[in-house]
C-alpha atoms as a PDB file:
ATOM      1  CA  MET A   1       0.000   0.000   0.000  1.00  0.00           C
ATOM      2  CA  LEU A   2       1.527   3.297  -1.088  1.00  0.00           C
ATOM      3  CA  GLU A   3       0.100   5.157   1.916  1.00  0.00           C
ATOM      4  CA  ALA A   4       1.930   2.876   4.360  1.00  0.00           C
ATOM      5  CA  ASP A   5       5.160   3.403   2.405  1.00  0.00           C
ATOM      6  CA  VAL A   6       4.737   7.176   2.700  1.00  0.00           C
ATOM      7  CA  HIS A   7       4.175   6.837   6.443  1.00  0.00           C
ATOM      8  CA  ALA A   8       7.281   4.664   6.762  1.00  0.00           C
ATOM      9  CA  TYR A   9       9.263   7.308   4.895  1.00  0.00           C
ATOM     10  CA  LEU A  10       7.964  10.083   7.173  1.00  0.00           C
ATOM     11  CA  ARG A  11       8.966   8.086  10.250  1.00  0.00           C
ATOM     12  CA  SER A  12      12.416   7.382   8.827  1.00  0.00           C
ATOM     13  CA  MET A  13      12.931  11.095   8.173  1.00  0.00           C
ATOM     14  CA  ALA A  14      12.224  11.796  11.860  1.00  0.00           C
ATOM     15  CA  GLY A  15      15.715  10.423  12.410  1.00  0.00           C
ATOM     16  CA  PRO A  16      17.510   8.593  15.194  1.00  0.00           C
ATOM     17  CA  THR A  17      16.572  11.171  17.830  1.00  0.00           C
ATOM     18  CA  ALA A  18      12.832  10.685  17.272  1.00  0.00           C
ATOM     19  CA  SER A  19      10.844   9.925  20.385  1.00  0.00           C
ATOM     20  CA  ARG A  20       7.594   8.137  21.154  1.00  0.00           C
ATOM     21  CA  VAL A  21       4.557   9.787  22.708  1.00  0.00           C
ATOM     22  CA  GLY A  22       1.562   7.451  22.906  1.00  0.00           C
ATOM     23  CA  SER A  23       0.906   6.066  19.437  1.00  0.00           C
ATOM     24  CA  PHE A  24       3.029   8.762  17.737  1.00  0.00           C
ATOM     25  CA  THR A  25       6.598   8.986  16.481  1.00  0.00           C
ATOM     26  CA  VAL A  26       7.726  12.527  17.226  1.00  0.00           C
ATOM     27  CA  ARG A  27      10.531  14.665  15.855  1.00  0.00           C
ATOM     28  CA  PHE A  28      11.638  17.711  17.812  1.00  0.00           C
ATOM     29  CA  ASP A  29      14.427  19.973  16.621  1.00  0.00           C
ATOM     30  CA  GLU A  30      16.096  21.390  19.702  1.00  0.00           C
ATOM     31  CA  HIS A  31      17.534  24.358  17.778  1.00  0.00           C
ATOM     32  CA  ASP A  32      14.704  25.349  15.438  1.00  0.00           C
ATOM     33  CA  ASP A  33      11.024  25.843  16.267  1.00  0.00           C
ATOM     34  CA  ALA A  34       9.953  26.006  12.600  1.00  0.00           C
ATOM     35  CA  LEU A  35       6.959  23.810  11.769  1.00  0.00           C
ATOM     36  CA  PRO A  36       8.723  21.617   9.173  1.00  0.00           C
ATOM     37  CA  PHE A  37      11.244  20.465  11.792  1.00  0.00           C
ATOM     38  CA  ASN A  38       8.837  19.559  14.596  1.00  0.00           C
ATOM     39  CA  TYR A  39       6.036  17.088  13.941  1.00  0.00           C
ATOM     40  CA  ALA A  40       4.358  13.846  14.965  1.00  0.00           C
ATOM     41  CA  ILE A  41       3.417  10.850  12.834  1.00  0.00           C
ATOM     42  CA  PRO A  42       0.676   8.538  14.128  1.00  0.00           C
ATOM     43  CA  ASP A  43       1.231   4.792  13.965  1.00  0.00           C
ATOM     44  CA  ASP A  44      -0.371   3.052  10.999  1.00  0.00           C
ATOM     45  CA  ASP A  45      -3.922   1.921  11.692  1.00  0.00           C
ATOM     46  CA  SER A  46      -3.937   3.795  15.002  1.00  0.00           C
ATOM     47  CA  ALA A  47      -6.876   5.464  16.671  1.00  0.00           C
ATOM     48  CA  PRO A  48      -5.241   7.854  19.153  1.00  0.00           C
ATOM     49  CA  THR A  49      -7.195   8.434  22.327  1.00  0.00           C
ATOM     50  CA  ALA A  50      -7.962  11.863  23.746  1.00  0.00           C
ATOM     51  CA  ASP A  51      -5.368  11.183  26.473  1.00  0.00           C
ATOM     52  CA  GLU A  52      -2.683  10.352  23.876  1.00  0.00           C
ATOM     53  CA  VAL A  53      -3.450  13.539  21.966  1.00  0.00           C
ATOM     54  CA  ALA A  54      -3.315  15.579  25.203  1.00  0.00           C
ATOM     55  CA  GLU A  55       0.042  13.966  26.037  1.00  0.00           C
ATOM     56  CA  LEU A  56       1.315  14.804  22.549  1.00  0.00           C
ATOM     57  CA  VAL A  57       0.190  18.441  22.794  1.00  0.00           C
ATOM     58  CA  ALA A  58       1.833  18.708  26.220  1.00  0.00           C
ATOM     59  CA  ALA A  59       5.125  17.336  24.827  1.00  0.00           C
ATOM     60  CA  PHE A  60       5.111  20.000  22.109  1.00  0.00           C
ATOM     61  CA  ARG A  61       4.234  22.787  24.540  1.00  0.00           C
ATOM     62  CA  GLU A  62       6.953  21.727  27.004  1.00  0.00           C
ATOM     63  CA  ARG A  63       9.406  22.452  24.206  1.00  0.00           C
ATOM     64  CA  ASP A  64       7.710  25.665  23.052  1.00  0.00           C
ATOM     65  CA  ARG A  65       6.730  24.005  19.782  1.00  0.00           C
ATOM     66  CA  THR A  66       3.464  24.143  17.847  1.00  0.00           C
ATOM     67  CA  PRO A  67       1.750  20.730  17.795  1.00  0.00           C
ATOM     68  CA  ARG A  68       1.740  19.421  14.233  1.00  0.00           C
ATOM     69  CA  LEU A  69       0.876  16.112  12.576  1.00  0.00           C
ATOM     70  CA  GLU A  70       2.214  14.640   9.358  1.00  0.00           C
ATOM     71  CA  TYR A  71       0.094  11.748   8.119  1.00  0.00           C
ATOM     72  CA  VAL A  72      -1.691  10.074   5.254  1.00  0.00           C
ATOM     73  CA  SER A  73      -5.359   9.821   6.227  1.00  0.00           C
ATOM     74  CA  ALA A  74      -5.842   6.394   4.646  1.00  0.00           C
ATOM     75  CA  THR A  75      -3.423   4.923   7.225  1.00  0.00           C
ATOM     76  CA  ILE A  76      -5.362   6.205  10.257  1.00  0.00           C
ATOM     77  CA  ARG A  77      -8.322   4.197  11.474  1.00  0.00           C
ATOM     78  CA  GLY A  78     -11.566   6.187  11.326  1.00  0.00           C
ATOM     79  CA  SER A  79     -10.016   9.209   9.609  1.00  0.00           C
ATOM     80  CA  GLY A  80     -12.034   8.899   6.402  1.00  0.00           C
ATOM     81  CA  ARG A  81     -10.471   9.284   2.992  1.00  0.00           C
ATOM     82  CA  SER A  82     -12.132  12.641   2.393  1.00  0.00           C
ATOM     83  CA  ARG A  83      -9.993  14.371   5.039  1.00  0.00           C
ATOM     84  CA  ARG A  84      -6.983  16.299   3.952  1.00  0.00           C
ATOM     85  CA  SER A  85      -3.672  15.528   5.609  1.00  0.00           C
END
């Protein structure tokens, strides 16, 4: 599935310093707060809970970063294909 390959690529680009928060792989750039350098990728076929999302938002805010997701909607359970990612 192409969507899963794109997700795998996004996770690989998060690099070796990526961390885990709930069902997300997260990349934080300690030197740059620009949006393209700080983002989270949900696990394939995940359905993040409200608590996981709150934990993710808190992790971004602790670092003075804007919470941001990178994902392909077809890989997220219940997201619907009509959503834009």
